[in-house]
Amino acid sequence: MIDLLIFAGALSILVLIHEFGHYLAAVKTGVWVEEFGLGLPPRAWGKKIGKTIFSLNWLPIGGFCKMYGEDPTSEVKRDGEGAKPEEAFVNKKPWQKMIIILGGVTMNLVLAVAIFTLVYAITGLPVTTDRVKVLEVNKNSPAETAGIKEGMWIYKVNEVVVAQADELTKEVAKYKGETVKLTIRDEMGERVIPIEVRENPPAGEGSMGVMISNVEVQPMKWWQLPRGVAEGFKEAYFWGSRITEGLIKTISQMYTERIIPSDVAGPIGMFQATSTIKRTQGLLGVMHFFGLVSVNLAVVNILPFPALDGGRLLFVAYEMVFKKRANEKVEAMVNNIGMMILLLLVLLITVGDVARLVRQ
């Protein structure tokens, strides 16, 4: 139950932050936000502040930002609430619409950077060194047999000094099927350890059976916060690039093979991942995971697909190029079809999640 509450709460925060981005951009550009809700309708409670209703809703997942004139087919006119045509989303200039649409994606990226920065503040900052550290030793590997331990520093391969992880990997690769001498240092001092270099290591293992890095984690001081933020941006960019590559591959597979790839997870798969990460890495791991999910939400939403923010941007781009709005009925129909397709994809992915559960 605790895992479910953590998952639902974290996912709701991500969606709410996304909608809050739309809300802020709408207010700044003069669009009337009719209602900003936590959770999904039906409404449980609401309070009107200014012209906006802030509500709590019975379905405790995510939130929404309802803007006046957001539906391209809606009538925009003065009414009893004091609405003005210039306060309608549809009547705003294309660049203003673009700012509002991009507000959600922007806030998800900001949240991801904030999460990554907080994780660095707790765990420490990655610092590149001029020595290679052993992070992990595989069981029954040549490294374990030779007595290599986690935390040791490797300085030489035979007589060649190595300062980077890739330098060590390339140097060791020259001696496949042979034995090399590693010069290592730890709390016991410096010594030389002979180790076998496998020609055909098991899948997922290196030729010696060690995981190495020349990056060391050091505690972050308060005055290093700007650097922590910079590292947060770097990580958000890294995962954004990886997620984009994965999406392109997934879409390609769906188009060419007419199937949903097996490694795509829906809500159930995400809940499983959250539970596993909480059990193995703790709440800090869960926090980092939802930083990745926030980046993923931003990348997916910017896709040029109907009903997503990226799809709405296409209609704004049309308006910018041709100096007129797209046909309202066509836009509404395209978005409705897009939403139906998205719901169908979510259903198929959820079925795949359930099938994986049954097989396990």
Protein backbone atom coordinates (compact mmCIF):
# COMPACT_ATOMS: atom_id res chain seq x y z
CA MET A 1 0.00 0.00 0.00
CA ILE A 2 2.86 2.39 0.84
CA ASP A 3 4.48 1.72 -2.54
CA LEU A 4 1.16 2.47 -4.27
CA LEU A 5 0.75 5.74 -2.36
CA ILE A 6 4.32 6.79 -3.23
CA PHE A 7 3.77 5.94 -6.89
CA ALA A 8 0.40 7.68 -7.17
CA GLY A 9 1.64 10.72 -5.24
CA ALA A 10 4.83 11.11 -7.28
CA LEU A 11 3.03 10.66 -10.60
CA SER A 12 0.36 13.15 -9.56
CA ILE A 13 3.04 15.72 -8.70
CA LEU A 14 4.65 15.31 -12.14
CA VAL A 15 1.33 15.82 -13.94
CA LEU A 16 0.33 18.68 -11.64
CA ILE A 17 3.66 20.45 -12.22
CA HIS A 18 3.10 20.06 -15.97
CA GLU A 19 -0.35 21.64 -15.73
CA PHE A 20 0.99 24.36 -13.41
CA GLY A 21 3.41 25.29 -16.21
CA HIS A 22 0.44 25.84 -18.52
CA TYR A 23 -1.30 27.82 -15.75
CA LEU A 24 1.63 30.20 -15.17
CA ALA A 25 2.13 30.82 -18.89
CA ALA A 26 -1.61 31.38 -19.40
CA VAL A 27 -1.80 33.93 -16.57
CA LYS A 28 1.30 35.75 -17.83
CA THR A 29 -0.14 36.04 -21.34
CA GLY A 30 -3.56 37.23 -20.15
CA VAL A 31 -5.59 34.05 -20.69
CA TRP A 32 -8.42 33.43 -18.23
CA VAL A 33 -7.87 30.12 -16.41
CA GLU A 34 -11.39 29.00 -15.51
CA GLU A 35 -10.27 26.18 -13.20
CA PHE A 36 -7.03 24.72 -11.92
CA GLY A 37 -7.62 21.35 -10.33
CA LEU A 38 -5.70 18.86 -8.21
CA GLY A 39 -6.90 15.39 -9.22
CA LEU A 40 -9.49 14.69 -11.88
CA PRO A 41 -13.27 15.38 -11.78
CA PRO A 42 -15.80 14.97 -10.30
CA ARG A 43 -15.05 17.94 -8.05
CA ALA A 44 -14.92 17.37 -4.30
CA TRP A 45 -14.18 20.95 -3.23
CA GLY A 46 -13.47 24.25 -4.89
CA LYS A 47 -12.68 27.84 -3.99
CA LYS A 48 -12.80 30.78 -6.34
CA ILE A 49 -9.86 33.15 -6.11
CA GLY A 50 -10.18 36.06 -8.47
CA LYS A 51 -11.74 34.56 -11.60
CA THR A 52 -10.17 31.11 -11.21
CA ILE A 53 -11.62 28.14 -9.34
CA PHE A 54 -8.97 26.12 -7.48
CA SER A 55 -10.38 22.66 -6.87
CA LEU A 56 -9.75 19.29 -5.28
CA ASN A 57 -11.23 16.39 -7.24
CA TRP A 58 -12.20 12.86 -6.35
CA LEU A 59 -9.84 11.00 -8.70
CA PRO A 60 -6.45 11.50 -6.99
CA ILE A 61 -4.29 11.37 -10.13
CA GLY A 62 -2.60 14.39 -11.67
CA GLY A 63 -4.47 17.61 -12.30
CA PHE A 64 -5.74 19.93 -15.02
CA CYS A 65 -5.72 23.53 -16.20
CA LYS A 66 -8.95 24.59 -17.91
CA MET A 67 -8.47 27.73 -20.00
CA TYR A 68 -11.20 29.89 -21.47
CA GLY A 69 -11.46 29.36 -25.22
CA GLU A 70 -9.06 26.41 -25.23
CA ASP A 71 -11.43 24.28 -27.31
CA PRO A 72 -11.06 25.53 -30.91
CA THR A 73 -14.80 24.96 -31.55
CA SER A 74 -16.01 26.79 -28.42
CA GLU A 75 -17.84 30.10 -28.69
CA VAL A 76 -15.91 33.04 -27.27
CA LYS A 77 -18.08 35.87 -26.07
CA ARG A 78 -18.83 38.00 -23.05
CA ASP A 79 -20.75 36.14 -20.37
CA GLY A 80 -21.90 36.46 -16.79
CA GLU A 81 -18.43 35.65 -15.46
CA GLY A 82 -17.01 38.76 -17.07
CA ALA A 83 -15.04 36.89 -19.73
CA LYS A 84 -13.60 38.95 -22.54
CA PRO A 85 -12.72 37.76 -26.06
CA GLU A 86 -9.11 38.90 -25.55
CA GLU A 87 -8.87 36.53 -22.54
CA ALA A 88 -9.55 33.47 -24.70
CA PHE A 89 -6.73 31.11 -25.64
CA VAL A 90 -7.95 30.88 -29.25
CA ASN A 91 -7.71 34.65 -29.67
CA LYS A 92 -4.12 34.97 -28.51
CA LYS A 93 -1.24 35.56 -30.90
CA PRO A 94 0.61 32.44 -32.12
CA TRP A 95 3.74 33.22 -30.09
CA GLN A 96 1.61 33.54 -26.94
CA LYS A 97 -0.09 30.22 -27.63
CA MET A 98 3.33 28.66 -28.11
CA ILE A 99 4.51 29.94 -24.73
CA ILE A 100 1.40 28.51 -23.03
CA ILE A 101 1.74 25.13 -24.73
CA LEU A 102 5.45 24.87 -23.94
CA GLY A 103 4.84 25.86 -20.31
CA GLY A 104 4.06 22.29 -19.25
CA VAL A 105 7.11 20.73 -20.90
CA THR A 106 9.34 23.47 -19.50
CA MET A 107 8.12 22.88 -15.94
CA ASN A 108 8.72 19.13 -16.23
CA LEU A 109 12.31 19.79 -17.29
CA VAL A 110 12.76 22.31 -14.45
CA LEU A 111 11.41 19.73 -11.99
CA ALA A 112 13.78 17.07 -13.33
CA VAL A 113 16.78 19.38 -12.94
CA ALA A 114 15.65 20.25 -9.40
CA ILE A 115 15.33 16.54 -8.50
CA PHE A 116 18.74 15.66 -9.93
CA THR A 117 20.31 18.65 -8.14
CA LEU A 118 18.76 17.55 -4.83
CA VAL A 119 20.06 14.01 -5.33
CA TYR A 120 23.57 15.39 -5.96
CA ALA A 121 23.26 17.56 -2.85
CA ILE A 122 22.53 14.43 -0.81
CA THR A 123 24.85 11.89 -2.44
CA GLY A 124 27.66 14.20 -3.61
CA LEU A 125 29.00 15.61 -6.86
CA PRO A 126 30.76 13.48 -9.52
CA VAL A 127 34.40 14.55 -9.85
CA THR A 128 36.69 13.31 -12.65
CA THR A 129 40.01 12.03 -11.31
CA ASP A 130 43.25 10.81 -12.89
CA ARG A 131 42.94 7.30 -11.50
CA VAL A 132 40.64 4.35 -12.16
CA LYS A 133 38.53 2.95 -9.34
CA VAL A 134 37.00 -0.53 -9.07
CA LEU A 135 33.27 -0.09 -8.42
CA GLU A 136 32.15 -3.70 -8.57
CA VAL A 137 33.65 -7.18 -8.98
CA ASN A 138 31.63 -9.92 -10.69
CA LYS A 139 31.32 -13.26 -8.95
CA ASN A 140 33.49 -16.11 -10.28
CA SER A 141 35.40 -13.67 -12.48
CA PRO A 142 39.19 -13.45 -13.01
CA ALA A 143 39.15 -10.28 -10.90
CA GLU A 144 37.56 -12.08 -7.95
CA THR A 145 39.99 -14.98 -8.31
CA ALA A 146 42.95 -12.60 -8.38
CA GLY A 147 41.78 -10.84 -5.22
CA ILE A 148 40.63 -7.56 -6.76
CA LYS A 149 38.27 -5.79 -4.36
CA GLU A 150 35.72 -3.02 -4.68
CA GLY A 151 37.29 0.35 -3.85
CA MET A 152 40.78 -0.46 -5.17
CA TRP A 153 42.49 2.03 -7.50
CA ILE A 154 44.22 0.74 -10.64
CA TYR A 155 47.24 2.77 -11.81
CA LYS A 156 49.02 0.58 -14.35
CA VAL A 157 48.40 -2.26 -16.79
CA ASN A 158 51.77 -3.98 -16.98
CA GLU A 159 54.01 -0.88 -17.19
CA VAL A 160 51.49 1.42 -18.90
CA VAL A 161 49.97 4.14 -16.70
CA VAL A 162 46.18 4.47 -17.08
CA ALA A 163 44.27 7.55 -15.88
CA GLN A 164 40.90 6.99 -17.57
CA ALA A 165 38.52 4.02 -17.54
CA ASP A 166 38.53 3.76 -21.34
CA GLU A 167 42.36 3.79 -21.36
CA LEU A 168 42.42 0.79 -19.03
CA THR A 169 39.81 -1.03 -21.13
CA LYS A 170 41.76 -0.46 -24.38
CA GLU A 171 45.07 -1.49 -22.83
CA VAL A 172 43.67 -4.67 -21.28
CA ALA A 173 41.99 -5.59 -24.61
CA LYS A 174 45.48 -6.02 -26.13
CA TYR A 175 46.11 -9.05 -23.91
CA LYS A 176 43.00 -11.21 -24.41
CA GLY A 177 43.76 -14.81 -23.50
CA GLU A 178 46.88 -13.74 -21.57
CA THR A 179 47.75 -12.58 -18.07
CA VAL A 180 48.47 -8.94 -17.24
CA LYS A 181 49.90 -7.31 -14.14
CA LEU A 182 47.79 -4.60 -12.55
CA THR A 183 49.42 -2.07 -10.25
CA ILE A 184 46.81 -1.26 -7.63
CA ARG A 185 46.58 0.87 -4.50
CA ASP A 186 44.29 0.65 -1.47
CA GLU A 187 44.56 1.14 2.30
CA MET A 188 47.26 -1.57 2.36
CA GLY A 189 49.49 0.38 -0.03
CA GLU A 190 50.67 -0.35 -3.56
CA ARG A 191 51.19 -3.80 -5.02
CA VAL A 192 51.08 -5.73 -8.29
CA ILE A 193 48.37 -8.34 -8.94
CA PRO A 194 48.47 -10.71 -11.93
CA ILE A 195 45.07 -11.29 -13.55
CA GLU A 196 43.75 -13.34 -16.46
CA VAL A 197 42.13 -11.50 -19.39
CA ARG A 198 39.27 -13.56 -20.82
CA GLU A 199 38.80 -13.81 -24.58
CA ASN A 200 35.06 -14.49 -24.41
CA PRO A 201 33.57 -13.10 -21.19
CA PRO A 202 29.90 -13.77 -20.28
CA ALA A 203 27.33 -11.30 -21.59
CA GLY A 204 27.29 -8.13 -19.55
CA GLU A 205 30.77 -8.65 -18.09
CA GLY A 206 34.12 -7.28 -19.16
CA SER A 207 37.21 -9.34 -19.91
CA MET A 208 38.36 -9.14 -16.26
CA GLY A 209 34.93 -9.02 -14.62
CA VAL A 210 35.11 -5.57 -13.03
CA MET A 211 33.10 -2.37 -13.26
CA ILE A 212 35.42 0.63 -13.27
CA SER A 213 35.27 4.43 -13.35
CA ASN A 214 37.57 7.42 -13.02
CA VAL A 215 34.70 9.48 -11.58
CA GLU A 216 34.59 9.88 -7.81
CA VAL A 217 31.66 11.20 -5.79
CA GLN A 218 32.56 13.96 -3.34
CA PRO A 219 30.27 15.73 -0.81
CA MET A 220 28.68 18.90 -2.19
CA LYS A 221 29.25 22.06 -0.17
CA TRP A 222 26.56 24.76 -0.06
CA TRP A 223 28.63 27.10 -2.20
CA GLN A 224 28.81 24.41 -4.91
CA LEU A 225 25.04 24.60 -5.51
CA PRO A 226 25.48 26.29 -8.94
CA ARG A 227 27.66 23.36 -9.98
CA GLY A 228 25.04 20.97 -8.66
CA VAL A 229 22.42 22.71 -10.81
CA ALA A 230 24.78 22.48 -13.82
CA GLU A 231 25.19 18.74 -13.21
CA GLY A 232 21.41 18.47 -12.94
CA PHE A 233 21.07 20.11 -16.37
CA LYS A 234 23.68 17.73 -17.78
CA GLU A 235 21.84 14.70 -16.45
CA ALA A 236 18.48 15.96 -17.72
CA TYR A 237 20.03 16.48 -21.18
CA PHE A 238 21.65 13.03 -21.07
CA TRP A 239 18.41 11.24 -20.21
CA GLY A 240 16.44 13.40 -22.61
CA SER A 241 18.75 12.29 -25.43
CA ARG A 242 18.51 8.63 -24.40
CA ILE A 243 14.72 8.77 -24.10
CA THR A 244 14.43 10.46 -27.50
CA GLU A 245 16.57 7.74 -29.10
CA GLY A 246 14.45 5.08 -27.41
CA LEU A 247 11.21 6.67 -28.61
CA ILE A 248 12.47 6.84 -32.19
CA LYS A 249 13.40 3.16 -32.00
CA THR A 250 10.03 2.25 -30.46
CA ILE A 251 8.03 4.19 -33.04
CA SER A 252 10.10 2.59 -35.81
CA GLN A 253 9.39 -0.89 -34.44
CA MET A 254 5.67 -0.14 -34.14
CA TYR A 255 5.60 1.06 -37.75
CA THR A 256 7.72 -1.70 -39.31
CA GLU A 257 6.74 -4.68 -37.14
CA ARG A 258 3.19 -3.60 -36.21
CA ILE A 259 3.79 -4.51 -32.56
CA ILE A 260 4.26 -2.78 -29.22
CA PRO A 261 7.91 -3.43 -28.21
CA SER A 262 8.18 -5.64 -25.13
CA ASP A 263 10.37 -3.17 -23.21
CA VAL A 264 7.71 -0.42 -23.22
CA ALA A 265 6.06 -0.06 -19.81
CA GLY A 266 2.75 1.49 -18.83
CA PRO A 267 1.36 2.50 -15.42
CA ILE A 268 1.59 -1.05 -14.04
CA GLY A 269 5.17 -1.45 -15.26
CA MET A 270 6.10 1.92 -13.76
CA PHE A 271 4.55 0.90 -10.44
CA GLN A 272 6.59 -2.32 -10.49
CA ALA A 273 9.75 -0.33 -11.23
CA THR A 274 8.97 2.08 -8.38
CA SER A 275 8.51 -0.80 -5.92
CA THR A 276 11.72 -2.51 -7.03
CA ILE A 277 13.77 0.70 -6.84
CA LYS A 278 12.36 1.53 -3.39
CA ARG A 279 13.31 -1.94 -2.15
CA THR A 280 16.83 -1.94 -3.62
CA GLN A 281 17.83 1.74 -3.61
CA GLY A 282 15.52 3.42 -1.11
CA LEU A 283 13.56 6.64 -1.42
CA LEU A 284 16.53 8.47 -2.93
CA GLY A 285 16.50 6.00 -5.81
CA VAL A 286 12.75 6.53 -6.22
CA MET A 287 13.31 10.29 -6.32
CA HIS A 288 15.92 9.91 -9.06
CA PHE A 289 13.63 7.55 -10.99
CA PHE A 290 10.84 10.13 -11.04
CA GLY A 291 13.35 12.70 -12.23
CA LEU A 292 13.78 10.44 -15.26
CA VAL A 293 10.00 10.06 -15.57
CA SER A 294 9.66 13.86 -15.56
CA VAL A 295 12.14 14.11 -18.44
CA ASN A 296 10.24 11.32 -20.19
CA LEU A 297 6.94 13.18 -19.73
CA ALA A 298 8.48 16.30 -21.29
CA VAL A 299 9.91 14.42 -24.28
CA VAL A 300 6.70 12.47 -24.97
CA ASN A 301 4.51 15.58 -24.68
CA ILE A 302 6.57 17.50 -27.23
CA LEU A 303 6.07 14.79 -29.88
CA PRO A 304 4.20 16.19 -32.91
CA PHE A 305 1.21 13.91 -32.35
CA PRO A 306 -2.44 15.06 -32.09
CA ALA A 307 -3.73 15.65 -28.53
CA LEU A 308 -0.17 16.06 -27.20
CA ASP A 309 1.43 19.47 -26.70
CA GLY A 310 3.60 18.84 -29.75
CA GLY A 311 0.50 18.23 -31.85
CA ARG A 312 -1.03 21.49 -30.68
CA LEU A 313 2.18 23.27 -31.65
CA LEU A 314 1.69 22.05 -35.22
CA PHE A 315 -1.58 23.98 -35.46
CA VAL A 316 0.11 27.05 -33.97
CA ALA A 317 2.89 26.70 -36.57
CA TYR A 318 0.22 26.54 -39.30
CA GLU A 319 -1.28 29.77 -37.96
CA MET A 320 2.13 31.46 -37.92
CA VAL A 321 2.95 30.44 -41.49
CA PHE A 322 -0.43 31.08 -43.16
CA LYS A 323 -1.51 34.00 -40.94
CA LYS A 324 -4.85 32.37 -40.17
CA ARG A 325 -6.15 29.73 -37.79
CA ALA A 326 -6.68 26.18 -38.96
CA ASN A 327 -10.24 25.02 -39.47
CA GLU A 328 -11.66 24.66 -35.94
CA LYS A 329 -13.67 21.51 -36.70
CA VAL A 330 -10.69 19.83 -38.37
CA GLU A 331 -8.44 20.69 -35.44
CA ALA A 332 -10.96 19.32 -32.93
CA MET A 333 -11.48 16.14 -34.97
CA VAL A 334 -7.73 15.52 -35.35
CA ASN A 335 -7.16 16.00 -31.60
CA ASN A 336 -10.06 13.66 -30.73
CA ILE A 337 -8.72 10.96 -33.05
CA GLY A 338 -5.26 11.43 -31.56
CA MET A 339 -6.63 11.04 -28.04
CA MET A 340 -8.42 7.83 -29.01
CA ILE A 341 -5.20 6.42 -30.47
CA LEU A 342 -3.25 7.38 -27.34
CA LEU A 343 -5.82 5.72 -25.08
CA LEU A 344 -5.68 2.58 -27.25
CA LEU A 345 -1.87 2.53 -26.99
CA VAL A 346 -2.06 2.92 -23.20
CA LEU A 347 -4.55 0.02 -23.10
CA LEU A 348 -2.30 -2.21 -25.23
CA ILE A 349 0.77 -1.35 -23.15
CA THR A 350 -1.18 -2.07 -19.95
CA VAL A 351 -2.20 -5.46 -21.34
CA GLY A 352 1.49 -6.11 -22.00
CA ASP A 353 2.30 -5.15 -18.39
CA VAL A 354 -0.34 -7.57 -17.09
CA ALA A 355 0.97 -10.35 -19.37
CA ARG A 356 4.48 -9.86 -17.97
CA LEU A 357 3.09 -10.05 -14.45
CA VAL A 358 1.35 -13.33 -15.23
CA ARG A 359 4.51 -14.82 -16.77
CA GLN A 360 6.47 -13.89 -13.64
